[in-house]
Protein backbone atom coordinates (compact mmCIF):
# COMPACT_ATOMS: atom_id res chain seq x y z
CA MET A 1 -30.11 13.54 -24.53
CA PRO A 2 -30.55 10.96 -21.72
CA ARG A 3 -27.52 10.31 -19.66
CA ARG A 4 -25.81 6.84 -20.20
CA ARG A 5 -25.86 4.75 -17.10
CA ILE A 6 -22.91 2.85 -16.17
CA ASP A 7 -22.94 -0.52 -14.31
CA ILE A 8 -20.27 0.00 -11.77
CA ASP A 9 -20.83 -3.37 -10.24
CA ARG A 10 -20.30 -5.36 -13.39
CA ILE A 11 -17.15 -3.37 -14.30
CA ILE A 12 -15.71 -4.07 -10.72
CA LYS A 13 -16.81 -7.71 -11.03
CA SER A 14 -15.18 -8.22 -14.42
CA ARG A 15 -11.96 -6.47 -13.34
CA PHE A 16 -11.75 -8.44 -10.30
CA ILE A 17 -12.12 -11.79 -12.23
CA HIS A 18 -9.55 -10.56 -14.74
CA ASP A 19 -6.96 -9.93 -11.89
CA LEU A 20 -7.47 -13.30 -10.09
CA PRO A 21 -4.27 -14.66 -11.56
CA LEU A 22 -2.29 -11.77 -10.16
CA ILE A 23 -4.00 -11.99 -6.63
CA PHE A 24 -3.12 -15.71 -6.66
CA ALA A 25 0.46 -14.94 -7.49
CA GLY A 26 0.55 -12.14 -4.86
CA CYS A 27 -0.86 -14.41 -2.16
CA ALA A 28 1.66 -17.17 -3.12
CA ILE A 29 4.66 -14.63 -3.10
CA ALA A 30 3.67 -13.46 0.38
CA ALA A 31 3.01 -16.89 1.51
CA PHE A 32 6.66 -17.99 0.27
CA ALA A 33 8.28 -15.24 2.36
CA THR A 34 6.18 -15.91 5.25
CA ASP A 35 7.38 -19.74 5.19
CA ALA A 36 10.99 -19.11 4.10
CA PHE A 37 11.95 -16.03 6.23
CA MET A 38 9.48 -15.08 9.00
CA ILE A 39 8.19 -18.22 10.65
CA PRO A 40 11.60 -19.98 10.71
CA ASN A 41 13.34 -17.01 12.14
CA GLY A 42 10.45 -16.26 14.75
CA LEU A 43 9.65 -12.93 13.08
CA ALA A 44 6.05 -11.96 13.94
CA ALA A 45 5.86 -8.90 11.71
CA GLY A 46 2.33 -7.89 12.68
CA GLY A 47 -1.20 -8.76 11.51
CA LEU A 48 -2.94 -11.92 12.00
CA THR A 49 -0.03 -13.80 10.51
CA GLY A 50 2.26 -12.41 13.07
CA LEU A 51 -0.09 -13.56 15.93
CA ALA A 52 -0.65 -16.89 14.24
CA THR A 53 3.27 -17.33 14.22
CA ILE A 54 3.23 -16.57 17.97
CA THR A 55 0.53 -19.04 18.82
CA SER A 56 1.98 -21.79 16.73
CA GLU A 57 5.31 -21.56 18.53
CA LEU A 58 3.64 -21.86 21.78
CA ALA A 59 1.60 -24.93 20.53
CA ALA A 60 4.69 -26.46 19.38
CA ARG A 61 6.31 -26.23 22.66
CA HIS A 62 3.52 -28.04 24.20
CA GLY A 63 3.39 -30.78 21.53
CA PHE A 64 0.77 -29.67 19.31
CA ILE A 65 0.99 -28.65 15.75
CA LEU A 66 -1.01 -25.50 14.93
CA PRO A 67 -0.64 -24.53 11.30
CA VAL A 68 -0.20 -20.74 10.67
CA GLY A 69 -2.40 -20.73 7.42
CA ILE A 70 -5.42 -22.42 9.08
CA GLN A 71 -5.10 -19.85 12.07
CA THR A 72 -5.31 -16.81 9.94
CA ILE A 73 -8.23 -18.29 7.97
CA VAL A 74 -10.25 -19.06 11.01
CA MET A 75 -9.44 -15.75 12.69
CA ASN A 76 -10.24 -13.75 9.57
CA ILE A 77 -13.63 -15.56 9.42
CA LEU A 78 -14.66 -14.67 12.83
CA LEU A 79 -13.61 -11.21 12.38
CA LEU A 80 -15.26 -10.69 8.82
CA MET A 81 -18.62 -11.49 10.50
CA LEU A 82 -18.32 -8.54 12.43
CA VAL A 83 -17.81 -6.14 9.55
CA VAL A 84 -19.31 -7.80 6.51
CA ARG A 85 -22.55 -5.52 6.66
CA ALA A 86 -20.57 -2.47 6.42
CA GLY A 87 -18.53 -3.56 3.37
CA GLY A 88 -21.18 -5.45 1.54
CA VAL A 89 -20.86 -8.50 -0.52
CA ARG A 90 -18.19 -7.09 -2.75
CA TYR A 91 -15.75 -6.41 0.14
CA ALA A 92 -16.59 -9.82 1.68
CA VAL A 93 -15.69 -11.52 -1.61
CA GLN A 94 -12.46 -9.72 -2.14
CA THR A 95 -11.30 -10.16 1.52
CA ILE A 96 -12.35 -13.83 1.72
CA THR A 97 -10.46 -14.62 -1.58
CA GLY A 98 -7.11 -12.73 -0.20
CA PHE A 99 -7.06 -14.42 3.18
CA VAL A 100 -8.17 -17.84 2.16
CA LEU A 101 -5.61 -17.97 -0.66
CA LEU A 102 -2.78 -16.53 1.72
CA GLY A 103 -3.65 -19.12 4.19
CA PHE A 104 -3.87 -21.96 1.83
CA PHE A 105 -0.52 -21.12 0.33
CA THR A 106 1.12 -20.65 3.68
CA ASP A 107 0.47 -24.13 4.96
CA LEU A 108 0.94 -25.65 1.49
CA PHE A 109 4.40 -24.41 0.86
CA SER A 110 5.39 -25.01 4.59
CA PRO A 111 6.71 -28.64 4.22
CA PHE A 112 8.55 -27.65 1.02
CA VAL A 113 10.05 -24.33 1.46
CA VAL A 114 13.63 -24.30 2.82
CA PRO A 115 14.00 -21.82 5.63
CA LEU A 116 16.30 -18.85 4.48
CA GLY A 117 18.31 -16.46 6.41
CA GLY A 118 19.95 -18.83 8.94
CA ASP A 119 21.36 -17.11 11.95
CA ASP A 120 21.35 -13.74 10.22
CA LEU A 121 18.16 -12.12 11.41
CA MET A 122 18.82 -8.90 9.42
CA LEU A 123 19.05 -10.72 6.24
CA ALA A 124 15.83 -12.77 7.14
CA SER A 125 13.83 -9.45 8.20
CA LEU A 126 14.97 -7.55 5.17
CA TRP A 127 14.10 -10.12 2.44
CA GLY A 128 10.98 -11.42 4.30
CA GLY A 129 9.84 -7.64 4.28
CA ILE A 130 10.78 -7.11 0.74
CA ILE A 131 9.34 -10.13 -0.84
CA SER A 132 6.17 -10.22 1.29
CA GLY A 133 5.54 -6.59 0.53
CA VAL A 134 5.72 -7.50 -3.21
CA GLY A 135 3.12 -10.14 -2.61
CA TYR A 136 0.65 -7.90 -0.64
CA GLY A 137 1.23 -4.82 -2.82
CA LEU A 138 -0.05 -7.10 -5.89
CA VAL A 139 -3.01 -8.24 -4.05
CA PHE A 140 -3.89 -4.72 -2.84
CA ARG A 141 -3.20 -3.39 -6.42
CA CYS A 142 -6.02 -5.54 -7.66
CA GLY A 143 -8.65 -4.32 -5.26
CA ALA A 144 -8.48 -7.45 -3.00
CA ASN A 145 -7.13 -7.70 0.54
CA THR A 146 -6.04 -10.25 3.09
CA GLY A 147 -8.03 -8.95 6.15
CA GLY A 148 -6.09 -9.30 9.22
CA SER A 149 -5.16 -6.09 11.21
CA ASP A 150 -7.09 -4.00 8.61
CA THR A 151 -10.44 -5.87 9.70
CA ILE A 152 -9.52 -5.34 13.38
CA GLY A 153 -8.88 -1.56 12.69
CA GLN A 154 -12.22 -1.21 11.08
CA ILE A 155 -14.01 -2.74 14.00
CA ILE A 156 -12.26 -0.51 16.51
CA SER A 157 -12.72 2.49 14.45
CA ARG A 158 -16.48 1.87 14.14
CA ARG A 159 -16.97 1.62 17.83
CA THR A 160 -14.38 4.49 18.58
CA SER A 161 -13.41 7.80 17.23
CA LEU A 162 -9.82 6.41 16.24
CA PRO A 163 -8.66 6.58 12.74
CA VAL A 164 -8.40 3.19 10.91
CA GLY A 165 -4.81 3.59 9.99
CA SER A 166 -3.47 4.61 13.35
CA THR A 167 -5.29 1.60 14.88
CA VAL A 168 -3.95 -0.93 12.24
CA MET A 169 -0.35 0.46 13.16
CA ALA A 170 -1.01 0.12 16.80
CA ILE A 171 -2.06 -3.43 16.37
CA ASP A 172 0.74 -4.54 14.30
CA VAL A 173 3.17 -2.90 16.90
CA ALA A 174 1.38 -4.75 19.67
CA VAL A 175 1.84 -8.15 17.81
CA CYS A 176 5.46 -7.37 17.27
CA ALA A 177 6.02 -6.53 21.04
CA ALA A 178 3.95 -9.58 22.16
CA SER A 179 6.40 -11.79 20.27
CA ALA A 180 9.31 -10.55 22.42
CA PRO A 181 8.46 -12.92 25.41
CA VAL A 182 7.80 -15.85 23.12
CA PHE A 183 10.92 -15.60 20.79
CA SER A 184 13.48 -12.83 21.80
CA LEU A 185 13.47 -9.02 22.13
CA GLU A 186 16.13 -9.11 19.18
CA GLN A 187 13.58 -10.81 17.26
CA ALA A 188 10.63 -8.74 17.94
CA LEU A 189 12.86 -5.69 16.84
CA TYR A 190 13.86 -7.39 13.87
CA ALA A 191 10.26 -8.23 13.05
CA ALA A 192 9.46 -4.51 13.43
CA ILE A 193 12.07 -3.60 10.85
CA SER A 194 10.64 -6.18 8.53
CA MET A 195 6.92 -4.78 9.14
CA VAL A 196 8.06 -1.18 8.20
CA LEU A 197 10.04 -2.18 5.25
CA MET A 198 6.95 -4.25 4.12
CA GLY A 199 4.77 -1.24 4.22
CA PHE A 200 7.15 0.79 1.86
CA VAL A 201 7.32 -2.02 -0.45
CA VAL A 202 3.64 -2.53 -0.59
CA ASN A 203 3.24 1.27 -1.13
CA ALA A 204 5.65 1.19 -3.88
CA VAL A 205 4.03 -1.67 -5.69
CA VAL A 206 0.44 -0.09 -5.34
CA ASP A 207 1.58 3.10 -6.65
CA GLY A 208 3.52 1.32 -9.62
CA GLY A 209 6.31 3.70 -9.73
CA ASN A 210 4.10 6.17 -11.39
CA ARG A 211 4.82 8.92 -8.91
CA GLN A 212 4.89 12.48 -10.28
CA ARG A 213 5.47 15.93 -9.07
CA ALA A 214 2.84 18.87 -9.39
CA ALA A 215 3.97 22.49 -9.74
CA PHE A 216 2.10 25.65 -8.84
CA ILE A 217 3.74 28.79 -10.03
CA ILE A 218 2.54 32.40 -9.01
CA SER A 219 4.30 35.00 -11.09
CA ASP A 220 3.82 38.32 -12.96
CA ALA A 221 5.61 36.60 -15.89
CA TYR A 222 3.19 33.93 -16.12
CA LYS A 223 3.00 34.32 -19.96
CA ASP A 224 6.71 33.74 -20.60
CA ILE A 225 6.72 30.75 -18.27
CA GLU A 226 3.57 29.11 -19.65
CA ARG A 227 5.09 29.60 -23.30
CA ALA A 228 8.43 28.00 -22.12
CA ILE A 229 6.45 24.96 -20.52
CA LEU A 230 4.32 24.53 -23.48
CA VAL A 231 7.01 24.96 -26.29
CA ASP A 232 10.39 23.98 -24.70
CA MET A 233 9.25 21.33 -22.38
CA ASP A 234 6.48 20.09 -24.69
CA ARG A 235 4.30 19.87 -21.56
CA GLY A 236 0.60 21.11 -20.83
CA CYS A 237 -0.17 23.36 -18.19
CA THR A 238 -3.39 24.90 -16.62
CA GLU A 239 -4.21 28.25 -15.35
CA LEU A 240 -5.97 28.74 -12.18
CA LEU A 241 -7.65 31.94 -11.35
CA ALA A 242 -6.65 33.28 -7.91
CA ARG A 243 -6.79 36.26 -6.14
CA GLY A 244 -4.11 37.83 -3.68
CA ALA A 245 -5.58 38.32 0.05
CA TYR A 246 -3.51 41.40 0.66
CA THR A 247 -3.58 43.18 -2.78
CA GLN A 248 -6.86 41.79 -4.05
CA ARG A 249 -5.34 41.53 -7.58
CA GLU A 250 -6.23 38.74 -9.71
CA ARG A 251 -3.76 36.82 -11.37
CA PRO A 252 -3.46 33.05 -12.63
CA VAL A 253 -1.57 30.49 -10.96
CA ILE A 254 0.10 28.07 -13.36
CA MET A 255 -0.32 24.40 -12.43
CA LEU A 256 1.39 21.32 -14.26
CA ILE A 257 2.05 17.72 -13.60
CA MET A 258 5.53 16.59 -14.60
CA SER A 259 8.04 13.76 -14.04
CA VAL A 260 10.53 13.88 -11.48
CA SER A 261 13.35 14.33 -14.05
CA GLU A 262 11.51 17.56 -15.22
CA VAL A 263 11.47 19.33 -11.93
CA SER A 264 15.03 20.98 -12.41
CA ILE A 265 13.77 22.02 -15.95
CA VAL A 266 10.89 23.83 -14.44
CA LYS A 267 12.99 25.43 -11.71
CA THR A 268 15.37 26.93 -14.44
CA ILE A 269 12.48 28.16 -16.35
CA VAL A 270 10.94 30.05 -13.28
CA GLU A 271 14.31 31.37 -12.28
CA GLU A 272 15.02 32.48 -15.67
CA TYR A 273 11.79 34.63 -16.14
CA ASP A 274 11.04 35.62 -12.67
CA PRO A 275 13.21 35.02 -9.67
CA ALA A 276 10.86 36.45 -7.42
CA ALA A 277 8.25 33.97 -8.32
CA ILE A 278 6.54 31.82 -5.81
CA LEU A 279 7.10 27.90 -6.92
CA MET A 280 5.55 25.09 -4.92
CA ILE A 281 6.27 21.53 -5.81
CA THR A 282 4.22 18.55 -4.28
CA ASP A 283 4.14 14.78 -4.82
CA VAL A 284 1.35 13.27 -7.06
CA ASN A 285 0.88 9.65 -6.49
CA GLU A 286 -0.91 8.97 -9.62
CA ALA A 287 -1.54 11.03 -12.89
CA ILE A 288 -4.19 9.58 -15.42
CA GLY A 289 -4.90 11.33 -18.69
CA TYR A 290 -3.38 12.73 -21.84
CA GLY A 291 0.58 12.60 -21.66
CA PHE A 292 0.34 10.06 -18.68
CA LYS A 293 -1.06 6.78 -18.20
CA GLN A 294 -4.52 5.84 -19.29
CA LEU A 295 -7.61 4.80 -17.29
CA GLY A 296 -7.65 1.14 -16.65
CA SER A 297 -3.89 0.57 -17.42
């Protein structure tokens, strides 16, 4: 029977178009947070938006108006020209959509958004990080991105042996540090708090709150433990065939994926049947399939 060919490009394009309203919403939310909390309080929380905040302030001191949104669009276009060959057309479309919408909304909202936070930099940094993290998270969850320091990280990583993640973090920290002479050391430190908080919120939104746990159980009483998991917990599990390195004896390792609330139940079951068992529990970012979320949801 011939294998059915799946048009991956068509599926990705269809999903991207379907997710466009969510990308619009994410960029608008991030732009609102930038205009309401970050820019008015001198919080340059990394990335090209943070760099544009610094240059906009310097231009204002010399009597020039340099919109943050336009700056980010121009800088992203220049950077994208250096990496578009590596990512292809799909990467370019997803990136351009993100940074153009973010820059557009940033300058669109700027005259109308009331600056929030006042003299309380802690309040501004916390809410700026939370709200912008929600916005960026929605964009990333849809497969799009907003360019910025991620693009710079790719360029540097391609020409050196440095990992992209570490490079992006170093760039964001450098932007925060560069804001200290322009604004103040206090504002730079609060910008760093906002940047870290933003990262946590982005991860939470992208993961969608679907974090589970995986358990690996090594025990001579594996049959009893399996039965309790299948019957009492009504949870499926899998036997992985393993061999002890010292004894060279084969016995199964029980693997199961569960919710956070079920961890204590599994511990109780294992302790009941074999207190000497080895139990390993680790995080699972996403579980897809029977008993969990379905593919495409």
